[in-house]
Amino acid sequence: MIGRLAFGAVCALAFTLSAQAQEFAVPGSVALPNLEPLIPACADPAADHFIEVDISQRPPAGTTRIQKLSGWITPDGVFHWPLVMRLRNIGDKVFAGKPGLQRAVLTEQDQLSGKTREVTTVPFDRIDPRGGVGVRFQFTAPAADMAKQRFKKVFKLAIKYDRLDASIVSNQYGDCNLQNNEFSITFDGSRKGWIFAK
């Protein structure tokens, strides 16, 4: 008896859903936007819109841990926050560059002091499709400034080619889109959330 009731309920539900589907009219004007393919049919190294805490970095002995941020304060009063930005090949072909002629460069601009410095350089020659290169760095600032939220730094990840020729821009194993080779992240203590990307 219970089985028959359950079967009847399923049939009634199926009939109701079928009736609702027939009443749903799709406008003829609906169309998907014309977008560039997410995975281009070529190699395309890009400064990816991605950042994460570098969990491989451990607080050194004698430091004060900031657990919520996975950072630490050294005895000299400086806050350290280990992070990773990504350079990824978002295309469907292998990127095969010339040995030693391309690299990911990360720069830091302190907008309060006006100083800019190169933080790190990571050379690369080959990146498989959807593969990437991690660019590790540390956000640092005096702990007193962090407590007062007095900091504003911009980190820019950029791809640099020592020889930008036809073999890079037109080869399917080169870089078919130079427009996505930079990505910036701003750490701004005056704004809610602190981290902003563009």
N, C-alpha and C. Protein backbone atom coordinates (compact mmCIF):
# COMPACT_ATOMS: atom_id res chain seq x y z
N MET A 1 0.83 -1.20 0.00
CA MET A 1 0.00 0.00 0.00
C MET A 1 0.87 1.26 0.00
N ILE A 2 1.91 1.25 0.86
CA ILE A 2 2.81 2.40 0.93
C ILE A 2 3.52 2.60 -0.40
N GLY A 3 3.93 1.47 -1.03
CA GLY A 3 4.61 1.55 -2.32
C GLY A 3 3.72 2.19 -3.37
N ARG A 4 2.40 1.83 -3.38
CA ARG A 4 1.48 2.40 -4.36
C ARG A 4 1.31 3.90 -4.14
N LEU A 5 1.23 4.32 -2.86
CA LEU A 5 1.08 5.75 -2.55
C LEU A 5 2.31 6.52 -3.01
N ALA A 6 3.49 5.96 -2.75
CA ALA A 6 4.73 6.64 -3.15
C ALA A 6 4.81 6.76 -4.67
N PHE A 7 4.41 5.66 -5.39
CA PHE A 7 4.44 5.69 -6.84
C PHE A 7 3.48 6.74 -7.37
N GLY A 8 2.30 6.84 -6.74
CA GLY A 8 1.31 7.82 -7.16
C GLY A 8 1.81 9.25 -6.95
N ALA A 9 2.51 9.48 -5.84
CA ALA A 9 3.05 10.81 -5.56
C ALA A 9 4.09 11.20 -6.59
N VAL A 10 4.94 10.23 -6.97
CA VAL A 10 5.98 10.49 -7.98
C VAL A 10 5.34 10.84 -9.32
N CYS A 11 4.31 10.11 -9.70
CA CYS A 11 3.62 10.37 -10.97
C CYS A 11 2.99 11.76 -10.97
N ALA A 12 2.38 12.13 -9.84
CA ALA A 12 1.74 13.45 -9.74
C ALA A 12 2.78 14.56 -9.84
N LEU A 13 3.92 14.36 -9.19
CA LEU A 13 5.00 15.36 -9.23
C LEU A 13 5.54 15.50 -10.64
N ALA A 14 5.72 14.36 -11.33
CA ALA A 14 6.24 14.38 -12.70
C ALA A 14 5.27 15.12 -13.62
N PHE A 15 3.96 14.90 -13.44
CA PHE A 15 2.95 15.57 -14.26
C PHE A 15 2.98 17.08 -14.01
N THR A 16 3.11 17.48 -12.74
CA THR A 16 3.16 18.92 -12.38
C THR A 16 4.37 19.59 -13.01
N LEU A 17 5.55 18.95 -12.91
CA LEU A 17 6.78 19.52 -13.48
C LEU A 17 6.67 19.62 -14.99
N SER A 18 6.05 18.59 -15.63
CA SER A 18 5.88 18.60 -17.08
C SER A 18 4.98 19.75 -17.51
N ALA A 19 3.92 19.99 -16.75
CA ALA A 19 3.00 21.09 -17.06
C ALA A 19 3.69 22.44 -16.91
N GLN A 20 4.53 22.59 -15.87
CA GLN A 20 5.25 23.83 -15.67
C GLN A 20 6.24 24.07 -16.79
N ALA A 21 6.89 23.01 -17.26
CA ALA A 21 7.87 23.14 -18.32
C ALA A 21 7.20 23.60 -19.61
N GLN A 22 5.98 23.13 -19.90
CA GLN A 22 5.27 23.53 -21.10
C GLN A 22 4.85 25.00 -21.03
N GLU A 23 4.60 25.53 -19.84
CA GLU A 23 4.19 26.93 -19.68
C GLU A 23 5.37 27.89 -19.78
N PHE A 24 6.59 27.38 -19.66
CA PHE A 24 7.79 28.24 -19.66
C PHE A 24 8.19 28.54 -21.09
N ALA A 25 8.01 29.77 -21.52
CA ALA A 25 8.33 30.15 -22.89
C ALA A 25 9.67 30.88 -22.92
N VAL A 26 10.57 30.46 -23.77
CA VAL A 26 11.88 31.09 -23.91
C VAL A 26 11.80 32.18 -24.98
N PRO A 27 12.13 33.42 -24.64
CA PRO A 27 12.10 34.50 -25.65
C PRO A 27 13.08 34.22 -26.78
N GLY A 28 12.68 34.54 -27.99
CA GLY A 28 13.55 34.31 -29.13
C GLY A 28 14.74 35.24 -29.18
N SER A 29 14.71 36.32 -28.39
CA SER A 29 15.79 37.30 -28.43
C SER A 29 16.96 36.95 -27.50
N VAL A 30 16.82 35.90 -26.70
CA VAL A 30 17.87 35.53 -25.76
C VAL A 30 19.05 34.94 -26.53
N ALA A 31 20.24 35.49 -26.28
CA ALA A 31 21.45 34.99 -26.94
C ALA A 31 22.63 35.16 -26.01
N LEU A 32 23.56 34.21 -26.05
CA LEU A 32 24.77 34.31 -25.24
C LEU A 32 25.68 35.38 -25.84
N PRO A 33 26.41 36.12 -24.99
CA PRO A 33 27.32 37.14 -25.51
C PRO A 33 28.48 36.52 -26.26
N ASN A 34 29.04 37.26 -27.19
CA ASN A 34 30.21 36.80 -27.94
C ASN A 34 31.44 37.06 -27.10
N LEU A 35 31.98 36.03 -26.49
CA LEU A 35 33.15 36.15 -25.63
C LEU A 35 34.32 35.41 -26.24
N GLU A 36 35.52 35.84 -25.90
CA GLU A 36 36.70 35.10 -26.32
C GLU A 36 36.68 33.74 -25.61
N PRO A 37 37.14 32.69 -26.28
CA PRO A 37 37.15 31.37 -25.61
C PRO A 37 38.01 31.41 -24.35
N LEU A 38 37.56 30.73 -23.32
CA LEU A 38 38.29 30.70 -22.06
C LEU A 38 39.64 30.03 -22.23
N ILE A 39 39.71 29.03 -23.11
CA ILE A 39 40.97 28.34 -23.38
C ILE A 39 41.32 28.57 -24.84
N PRO A 40 42.19 29.55 -25.13
CA PRO A 40 42.53 29.82 -26.53
C PRO A 40 43.28 28.66 -27.16
N ALA A 41 43.14 28.54 -28.49
CA ALA A 41 43.78 27.44 -29.23
C ALA A 41 45.23 27.79 -29.56
N CYS A 42 45.98 28.06 -28.53
CA CYS A 42 47.39 28.42 -28.67
C CYS A 42 47.98 28.43 -27.26
N ALA A 43 49.26 28.72 -27.16
CA ALA A 43 49.85 28.90 -25.83
C ALA A 43 49.60 30.35 -25.40
N ASP A 44 49.25 30.54 -24.13
CA ASP A 44 48.97 31.89 -23.65
C ASP A 44 49.37 32.05 -22.19
N PRO A 45 50.66 32.28 -21.92
CA PRO A 45 51.06 32.59 -20.54
C PRO A 45 50.39 33.88 -20.10
N ALA A 46 49.82 33.88 -18.91
CA ALA A 46 49.11 35.05 -18.41
C ALA A 46 49.43 35.25 -16.93
N ALA A 47 49.50 36.52 -16.53
CA ALA A 47 49.59 36.84 -15.11
C ALA A 47 48.20 36.62 -14.54
N ASP A 48 48.04 35.53 -13.85
CA ASP A 48 46.71 35.05 -13.48
C ASP A 48 46.11 35.86 -12.33
N HIS A 49 44.78 35.94 -12.31
CA HIS A 49 44.07 36.63 -11.24
C HIS A 49 43.93 35.69 -10.05
N PHE A 50 45.03 35.44 -9.38
CA PHE A 50 45.02 34.43 -8.34
C PHE A 50 46.07 34.74 -7.29
N ILE A 51 45.71 34.64 -6.03
CA ILE A 51 46.67 34.83 -4.94
C ILE A 51 46.24 33.93 -3.79
N GLU A 52 47.24 33.42 -3.07
CA GLU A 52 46.92 32.56 -1.92
C GLU A 52 48.02 32.69 -0.89
N VAL A 53 47.70 32.26 0.33
CA VAL A 53 48.71 32.23 1.39
C VAL A 53 49.69 31.10 1.09
N ASP A 54 50.96 31.37 1.25
CA ASP A 54 52.00 30.37 1.00
C ASP A 54 52.17 29.52 2.26
N ILE A 55 51.46 28.40 2.29
CA ILE A 55 51.47 27.56 3.49
C ILE A 55 52.78 26.80 3.63
N SER A 56 53.63 26.84 2.61
CA SER A 56 54.93 26.17 2.73
C SER A 56 55.90 26.97 3.61
N GLN A 57 55.60 28.24 3.82
CA GLN A 57 56.45 29.08 4.67
C GLN A 57 56.02 28.97 6.12
N ARG A 58 56.94 28.65 6.98
CA ARG A 58 56.65 28.50 8.40
C ARG A 58 57.25 29.67 9.19
N PRO A 59 56.56 30.13 10.22
CA PRO A 59 57.13 31.20 11.04
C PRO A 59 58.45 30.76 11.67
N PRO A 60 59.49 31.56 11.54
CA PRO A 60 60.78 31.19 12.15
C PRO A 60 60.69 31.17 13.68
N ALA A 61 61.66 30.55 14.30
CA ALA A 61 61.71 30.53 15.77
C ALA A 61 61.86 31.94 16.30
N GLY A 62 61.21 32.19 17.43
CA GLY A 62 61.33 33.50 18.07
C GLY A 62 60.38 34.56 17.54
N THR A 63 59.43 34.16 16.68
CA THR A 63 58.48 35.12 16.14
C THR A 63 57.12 34.96 16.81
N THR A 64 56.29 35.98 16.67
CA THR A 64 54.92 35.93 17.19
C THR A 64 53.98 35.61 16.04
N ARG A 65 53.24 34.53 16.14
CA ARG A 65 52.37 34.11 15.05
C ARG A 65 51.07 34.90 15.03
N ILE A 66 50.62 35.21 13.81
CA ILE A 66 49.30 35.80 13.60
C ILE A 66 48.49 34.72 12.88
N GLN A 67 47.77 33.92 13.64
CA GLN A 67 47.15 32.72 13.11
C GLN A 67 46.12 33.01 12.02
N LYS A 68 45.32 34.04 12.17
CA LYS A 68 44.24 34.29 11.23
C LYS A 68 44.76 34.56 9.82
N LEU A 69 45.94 35.17 9.74
CA LEU A 69 46.52 35.51 8.44
C LEU A 69 47.64 34.57 8.03
N SER A 70 48.00 33.63 8.89
CA SER A 70 49.16 32.75 8.66
C SER A 70 50.43 33.57 8.46
N GLY A 71 50.53 34.65 9.21
CA GLY A 71 51.72 35.49 9.18
C GLY A 71 52.40 35.50 10.53
N TRP A 72 53.43 36.34 10.66
CA TRP A 72 54.15 36.43 11.93
C TRP A 72 54.83 37.78 12.08
N ILE A 73 55.17 38.10 13.32
CA ILE A 73 55.89 39.34 13.62
C ILE A 73 57.26 38.96 14.18
N THR A 74 58.30 39.49 13.56
CA THR A 74 59.67 39.21 14.00
C THR A 74 60.02 40.12 15.18
N PRO A 75 61.06 39.76 15.94
CA PRO A 75 61.43 40.56 17.13
C PRO A 75 61.72 42.04 16.83
N ASP A 76 62.06 42.36 15.57
CA ASP A 76 62.32 43.77 15.22
C ASP A 76 61.04 44.56 14.94
N GLY A 77 59.86 43.90 15.15
CA GLY A 77 58.59 44.61 15.00
C GLY A 77 58.05 44.68 13.58
N VAL A 78 58.49 43.76 12.72
CA VAL A 78 58.02 43.76 11.33
C VAL A 78 57.06 42.59 11.11
N PHE A 79 55.92 42.89 10.51
CA PHE A 79 54.92 41.89 10.17
C PHE A 79 55.29 41.25 8.83
N HIS A 80 55.21 39.92 8.75
CA HIS A 80 55.52 39.17 7.53
C HIS A 80 54.30 38.32 7.14
N TRP A 81 53.93 38.39 5.87
CA TRP A 81 52.79 37.62 5.39
C TRP A 81 53.19 36.91 4.09
N PRO A 82 53.45 35.60 4.10
CA PRO A 82 53.90 34.88 2.90
C PRO A 82 52.74 34.59 1.94
N LEU A 83 52.93 34.95 0.69
CA LEU A 83 51.87 34.80 -0.31
C LEU A 83 52.43 34.23 -1.60
N VAL A 84 51.53 33.82 -2.50
CA VAL A 84 51.91 33.30 -3.81
C VAL A 84 51.00 33.92 -4.86
N MET A 85 51.60 34.46 -5.93
CA MET A 85 50.85 34.84 -7.12
C MET A 85 51.18 33.83 -8.21
N ARG A 86 50.34 33.76 -9.23
CA ARG A 86 50.50 32.72 -10.25
C ARG A 86 50.66 33.31 -11.65
N LEU A 87 51.56 32.68 -12.40
CA LEU A 87 51.63 32.88 -13.84
C LEU A 87 51.18 31.55 -14.43
N ARG A 88 50.14 31.56 -15.26
CA ARG A 88 49.60 30.30 -15.79
C ARG A 88 49.49 30.36 -17.32
N ASN A 89 49.63 29.21 -17.94
CA ASN A 89 49.35 29.07 -19.36
C ASN A 89 47.88 28.72 -19.49
N ILE A 90 47.07 29.72 -19.88
CA ILE A 90 45.63 29.49 -19.97
C ILE A 90 45.22 28.98 -21.35
N GLY A 91 46.20 28.75 -22.24
CA GLY A 91 45.91 28.21 -23.56
C GLY A 91 45.92 26.70 -23.57
N ASP A 92 45.69 26.12 -24.77
CA ASP A 92 45.65 24.65 -24.86
C ASP A 92 46.89 24.08 -25.54
N LYS A 93 47.93 24.90 -25.76
CA LYS A 93 49.19 24.44 -26.31
C LYS A 93 50.30 24.68 -25.29
N VAL A 94 51.35 23.90 -25.40
CA VAL A 94 52.52 24.08 -24.53
C VAL A 94 53.20 25.40 -24.88
N PHE A 95 53.54 26.21 -23.86
CA PHE A 95 54.39 27.38 -24.12
C PHE A 95 55.83 26.89 -24.12
N ALA A 96 56.54 27.16 -25.23
CA ALA A 96 57.94 26.76 -25.35
C ALA A 96 58.75 27.99 -25.73
N GLY A 97 59.31 28.65 -24.72
CA GLY A 97 60.08 29.85 -24.96
C GLY A 97 61.55 29.54 -25.19
N LYS A 98 62.29 30.58 -25.49
CA LYS A 98 63.72 30.42 -25.69
C LYS A 98 64.41 30.42 -24.33
N PRO A 99 65.32 29.48 -24.10
CA PRO A 99 65.95 29.34 -22.78
C PRO A 99 66.54 30.65 -22.26
N GLY A 100 66.11 31.02 -21.06
CA GLY A 100 66.67 32.18 -20.38
C GLY A 100 66.19 33.53 -20.86
N LEU A 101 65.19 33.58 -21.75
CA LEU A 101 64.78 34.86 -22.33
C LEU A 101 63.41 35.36 -21.86
N GLN A 102 62.79 34.69 -20.89
CA GLN A 102 61.53 35.16 -20.35
C GLN A 102 61.46 34.85 -18.86
N ARG A 103 60.74 35.72 -18.16
CA ARG A 103 60.67 35.57 -16.70
C ARG A 103 59.43 36.27 -16.17
N ALA A 104 59.00 35.83 -14.99
CA ALA A 104 57.94 36.51 -14.25
C ALA A 104 58.60 37.45 -13.25
N VAL A 105 58.20 38.71 -13.27
CA VAL A 105 58.81 39.72 -12.41
C VAL A 105 57.73 40.31 -11.50
N LEU A 106 58.01 40.31 -10.21
CA LEU A 106 57.07 40.88 -9.23
C LEU A 106 57.68 42.14 -8.63
N THR A 107 56.97 43.26 -8.73
CA THR A 107 57.43 44.52 -8.15
C THR A 107 56.47 44.98 -7.05
N GLU A 108 57.00 45.74 -6.12
CA GLU A 108 56.21 46.29 -5.02
C GLU A 108 56.32 47.81 -5.05
N GLN A 109 55.17 48.47 -5.05
CA GLN A 109 55.15 49.93 -4.96
C GLN A 109 54.48 50.32 -3.65
N ASP A 110 55.25 50.96 -2.77
CA ASP A 110 54.70 51.46 -1.51
C ASP A 110 54.16 52.85 -1.78
N GLN A 111 52.84 52.98 -1.81
CA GLN A 111 52.23 54.26 -2.19
C GLN A 111 52.28 55.30 -1.08
N LEU A 112 52.61 54.89 0.13
CA LEU A 112 52.76 55.86 1.21
C LEU A 112 54.15 56.49 1.19
N SER A 113 55.17 55.71 0.86
CA SER A 113 56.53 56.24 0.81
C SER A 113 56.95 56.66 -0.60
N GLY A 114 56.21 56.17 -1.60
CA GLY A 114 56.55 56.49 -2.98
C GLY A 114 57.67 55.63 -3.55
N LYS A 115 58.11 54.61 -2.84
CA LYS A 115 59.22 53.77 -3.29
C LYS A 115 58.71 52.54 -4.04
N THR A 116 59.46 52.17 -5.09
CA THR A 116 59.16 50.97 -5.87
C THR A 116 60.40 50.09 -5.90
N ARG A 117 60.19 48.78 -5.72
CA ARG A 117 61.32 47.86 -5.76
C ARG A 117 60.91 46.55 -6.42
N GLU A 118 61.90 45.87 -7.01
CA GLU A 118 61.65 44.55 -7.55
C GLU A 118 61.78 43.54 -6.43
N VAL A 119 60.73 42.75 -6.25
CA VAL A 119 60.69 41.80 -5.15
C VAL A 119 61.35 40.48 -5.53
N THR A 120 60.96 39.94 -6.66
CA THR A 120 61.52 38.65 -7.09
C THR A 120 61.38 38.47 -8.58
N THR A 121 62.23 37.63 -9.14
CA THR A 121 62.19 37.26 -10.56
C THR A 121 62.24 35.75 -10.67
N VAL A 122 61.32 35.19 -11.45
CA VAL A 122 61.26 33.73 -11.64
C VAL A 122 61.37 33.43 -13.13
N PRO A 123 62.52 32.91 -13.58
CA PRO A 123 62.64 32.56 -15.01
C PRO A 123 61.82 31.32 -15.34
N PHE A 124 61.38 31.23 -16.59
CA PHE A 124 60.67 30.03 -17.05
C PHE A 124 60.94 29.85 -18.53
N ASP A 125 60.92 28.60 -18.98
CA ASP A 125 61.13 28.27 -20.39
C ASP A 125 59.93 27.56 -20.99
N ARG A 126 59.30 26.70 -20.20
CA ARG A 126 58.20 25.87 -20.70
C ARG A 126 57.08 25.83 -19.66
N ILE A 127 55.85 25.98 -20.15
CA ILE A 127 54.68 25.84 -19.28
C ILE A 127 53.64 25.01 -20.02
N ASP A 128 53.24 23.90 -19.44
CA ASP A 128 52.22 23.05 -20.06
C ASP A 128 50.86 23.73 -20.02
N PRO A 129 49.92 23.31 -20.88
CA PRO A 129 48.57 23.88 -20.84
C PRO A 129 47.97 23.76 -19.44
N ARG A 130 47.42 24.86 -18.96
CA ARG A 130 46.84 24.98 -17.61
C ARG A 130 47.88 24.80 -16.52
N GLY A 131 49.14 24.66 -16.90
CA GLY A 131 50.22 24.61 -15.90
C GLY A 131 50.60 26.02 -15.50
N GLY A 132 51.44 26.13 -14.49
CA GLY A 132 51.78 27.47 -14.03
C GLY A 132 53.11 27.55 -13.33
N VAL A 133 53.44 28.77 -12.97
CA VAL A 133 54.66 29.08 -12.23
C VAL A 133 54.24 29.88 -11.00
N GLY A 134 54.62 29.40 -9.82
CA GLY A 134 54.32 30.11 -8.59
C GLY A 134 55.37 31.18 -8.33
N VAL A 135 54.92 32.38 -7.98
CA VAL A 135 55.82 33.48 -7.65
C VAL A 135 55.61 33.81 -6.17
N ARG A 136 56.54 33.36 -5.35
CA ARG A 136 56.40 33.51 -3.90
C ARG A 136 57.00 34.84 -3.44
N PHE A 137 56.33 35.47 -2.46
CA PHE A 137 56.83 36.72 -1.91
C PHE A 137 56.23 36.92 -0.52
N GLN A 138 56.71 37.94 0.17
CA GLN A 138 56.16 38.28 1.48
C GLN A 138 55.73 39.74 1.49
N PHE A 139 54.51 39.95 1.94
CA PHE A 139 54.08 41.31 2.26
C PHE A 139 54.67 41.63 3.62
N THR A 140 55.39 42.73 3.72
CA THR A 140 55.98 43.14 5.00
C THR A 140 55.61 44.57 5.31
N ALA A 141 55.45 44.86 6.58
CA ALA A 141 55.17 46.21 7.04
C ALA A 141 55.42 46.26 8.55
N PRO A 142 55.77 47.43 9.09
CA PRO A 142 55.90 47.52 10.54
C PRO A 142 54.60 47.11 11.23
N ALA A 143 54.72 46.31 12.26
CA ALA A 143 53.53 45.83 12.97
C ALA A 143 52.70 46.99 13.50
N ALA A 144 53.36 48.08 13.90
CA ALA A 144 52.62 49.25 14.40
C ALA A 144 51.75 49.85 13.30
N ASP A 145 52.27 49.89 12.06
CA ASP A 145 51.47 50.40 10.94
C ASP A 145 50.32 49.46 10.62
N MET A 146 50.56 48.17 10.74
CA MET A 146 49.49 47.20 10.50
C MET A 146 48.37 47.38 11.52
N ALA A 147 48.76 47.60 12.79
CA ALA A 147 47.76 47.78 13.85
C ALA A 147 46.92 49.02 13.60
N LYS A 148 47.54 50.07 13.04
CA LYS A 148 46.83 51.31 12.73
C LYS A 148 46.21 51.30 11.33
N GLN A 149 46.42 50.20 10.61
CA GLN A 149 45.95 50.05 9.24
C GLN A 149 46.51 51.15 8.34
N ARG A 150 47.78 51.50 8.57
CA ARG A 150 48.48 52.51 7.78
C ARG A 150 49.42 51.80 6.79
N PHE A 151 48.86 51.29 5.72
CA PHE A 151 49.68 50.67 4.68
C PHE A 151 48.91 50.70 3.37
N LYS A 152 49.65 50.87 2.30
CA LYS A 152 49.06 50.80 0.95
C LYS A 152 50.16 50.43 -0.02
N LYS A 153 50.16 49.16 -0.41
CA LYS A 153 51.19 48.65 -1.31
C LYS A 153 50.53 47.97 -2.51
N VAL A 154 51.14 48.16 -3.68
CA VAL A 154 50.66 47.53 -4.90
C VAL A 154 51.73 46.55 -5.38
N PHE A 155 51.33 45.29 -5.53
CA PHE A 155 52.22 44.26 -6.06
C PHE A 155 51.79 43.97 -7.50
N LYS A 156 52.72 44.10 -8.43
CA LYS A 156 52.41 43.84 -9.84
C LYS A 156 53.22 42.67 -10.36
N LEU A 157 52.53 41.67 -10.89
CA LEU A 157 53.16 40.53 -11.53
C LEU A 157 53.13 40.75 -13.03
N ALA A 158 54.29 40.67 -13.68
CA ALA A 158 54.36 40.91 -15.12
C ALA A 158 55.27 39.88 -15.78
N ILE A 159 54.94 39.54 -17.02
CA ILE A 159 55.79 38.67 -17.84
C ILE A 159 56.72 39.55 -18.65
N LYS A 160 58.00 39.28 -18.60
CA LYS A 160 58.99 40.06 -19.34
C LYS A 160 59.70 39.15 -20.35
N TYR A 161 59.76 39.61 -21.59
CA TYR A 161 60.49 38.90 -22.64
C TYR A 161 61.72 39.72 -23.02
N ASP A 162 62.88 39.10 -22.99
CA ASP A 162 64.10 39.81 -23.40
C ASP A 162 64.14 40.02 -24.91
N ARG A 163 63.51 39.13 -25.67
CA ARG A 163 63.49 39.25 -27.12
C ARG A 163 62.07 39.00 -27.60
N LEU A 164 61.32 40.05 -27.82
CA LEU A 164 59.92 39.93 -28.23
C LEU A 164 59.87 40.00 -29.76
N ASP A 165 59.86 38.83 -30.40
CA ASP A 165 59.84 38.79 -31.85
C ASP A 165 58.69 37.93 -32.35
N ALA A 166 58.67 37.68 -33.66
CA ALA A 166 57.56 36.94 -34.26
C ALA A 166 57.43 35.54 -33.70
N SER A 167 58.54 34.94 -33.28
CA SER A 167 58.48 33.58 -32.75
C SER A 167 57.70 33.53 -31.44
N ILE A 168 57.60 34.65 -30.74
CA ILE A 168 56.83 34.71 -29.50
C ILE A 168 55.37 35.00 -29.78
N VAL A 169 55.09 36.02 -30.59
CA VAL A 169 53.71 36.49 -30.72
C VAL A 169 52.89 35.75 -31.77
N SER A 170 53.53 35.09 -32.74
CA SER A 170 52.74 34.45 -33.80
C SER A 170 52.81 32.93 -33.76
N ASN A 171 53.77 32.38 -33.06
CA ASN A 171 53.90 30.94 -32.95
C ASN A 171 52.84 30.39 -32.01
N GLN A 172 52.22 29.27 -32.37
CA GLN A 172 51.18 28.70 -31.50
C GLN A 172 51.75 28.21 -30.17
N TYR A 173 53.09 28.09 -30.10
CA TYR A 173 53.73 27.69 -28.85
C TYR A 173 54.38 28.89 -28.14
N GLY A 174 54.05 30.09 -28.62
CA GLY A 174 54.56 31.31 -28.00
C GLY A 174 53.55 31.92 -27.06
N ASP A 175 53.29 33.21 -27.19
CA ASP A 175 52.33 33.92 -26.34
C ASP A 175 51.35 34.64 -27.25
N CYS A 176 50.15 34.07 -27.41
CA CYS A 176 49.22 34.59 -28.40
C CYS A 176 48.40 35.79 -27.90
N ASN A 177 48.59 36.19 -26.65
CA ASN A 177 47.85 37.35 -26.14
C ASN A 177 48.73 38.10 -25.14
N LEU A 178 49.30 39.21 -25.58
CA LEU A 178 50.18 39.99 -24.71
C LEU A 178 49.40 40.92 -23.78
N GLN A 179 48.08 40.98 -23.95
CA GLN A 179 47.27 41.90 -23.15
C GLN A 179 47.00 41.41 -21.73
N ASN A 180 47.27 40.13 -21.46
CA ASN A 180 47.00 39.61 -20.12
C ASN A 180 48.29 39.26 -19.37
N ASN A 181 49.37 39.98 -19.70
CA ASN A 181 50.67 39.65 -19.12
C ASN A 181 51.00 40.45 -17.87
N GLU A 182 50.06 41.22 -17.35
CA GLU A 182 50.26 41.95 -16.10
C GLU A 182 49.03 41.79 -15.22
N PHE A 183 49.27 41.77 -13.92
CA PHE A 183 48.18 41.67 -12.95
C PHE A 183 48.62 42.33 -11.66
N SER A 184 47.78 43.18 -11.09
CA SER A 184 48.14 43.93 -9.88
C SER A 184 47.20 43.61 -8.72
N ILE A 185 47.77 43.61 -7.53
CA ILE A 185 47.00 43.44 -6.30
C ILE A 185 47.38 44.56 -5.34
N THR A 186 46.39 45.21 -4.77
CA THR A 186 46.63 46.31 -3.83
C THR A 186 46.27 45.88 -2.42
N PHE A 187 47.18 46.13 -1.49
CA PHE A 187 46.94 45.92 -0.07
C PHE A 187 46.74 47.30 0.54
N ASP A 188 45.52 47.60 0.95
CA ASP A 188 45.18 48.94 1.41
C ASP A 188 44.47 48.86 2.76
N GLY A 189 45.16 49.28 3.82
CA GLY A 189 44.59 49.19 5.17
C GLY A 189 43.42 50.12 5.40
N SER A 190 43.25 51.14 4.56
CA SER A 190 42.16 52.09 4.75
C SER A 190 40.83 51.59 4.19
N ARG A 191 40.87 50.46 3.48
CA ARG A 191 39.65 49.92 2.88
C ARG A 191 39.28 48.59 3.52
N LYS A 192 38.00 48.36 3.64
CA LYS A 192 37.52 47.12 4.23
C LYS A 192 37.92 45.93 3.36
N GLY A 193 38.49 44.92 3.95
CA GLY A 193 38.90 43.73 3.21
C GLY A 193 40.36 43.73 2.83
N TRP A 194 40.98 44.91 2.77
CA TRP A 194 42.44 45.06 2.56
C TRP A 194 42.92 44.75 1.16
N ILE A 195 42.51 43.64 0.55
CA ILE A 195 43.12 43.18 -0.70
C ILE A 195 42.18 43.40 -1.88
N PHE A 196 42.72 44.06 -2.91
CA PHE A 196 41.92 44.38 -4.10
C PHE A 196 42.73 44.08 -5.35
N ALA A 197 42.13 43.41 -6.31
CA ALA A 197 42.84 43.00 -7.53
C ALA A 197 42.27 43.70 -8.74
N LYS A 198 43.11 43.86 -9.76
CA LYS A 198 42.63 44.43 -11.03
C LYS A 198 43.45 43.85 -12.18
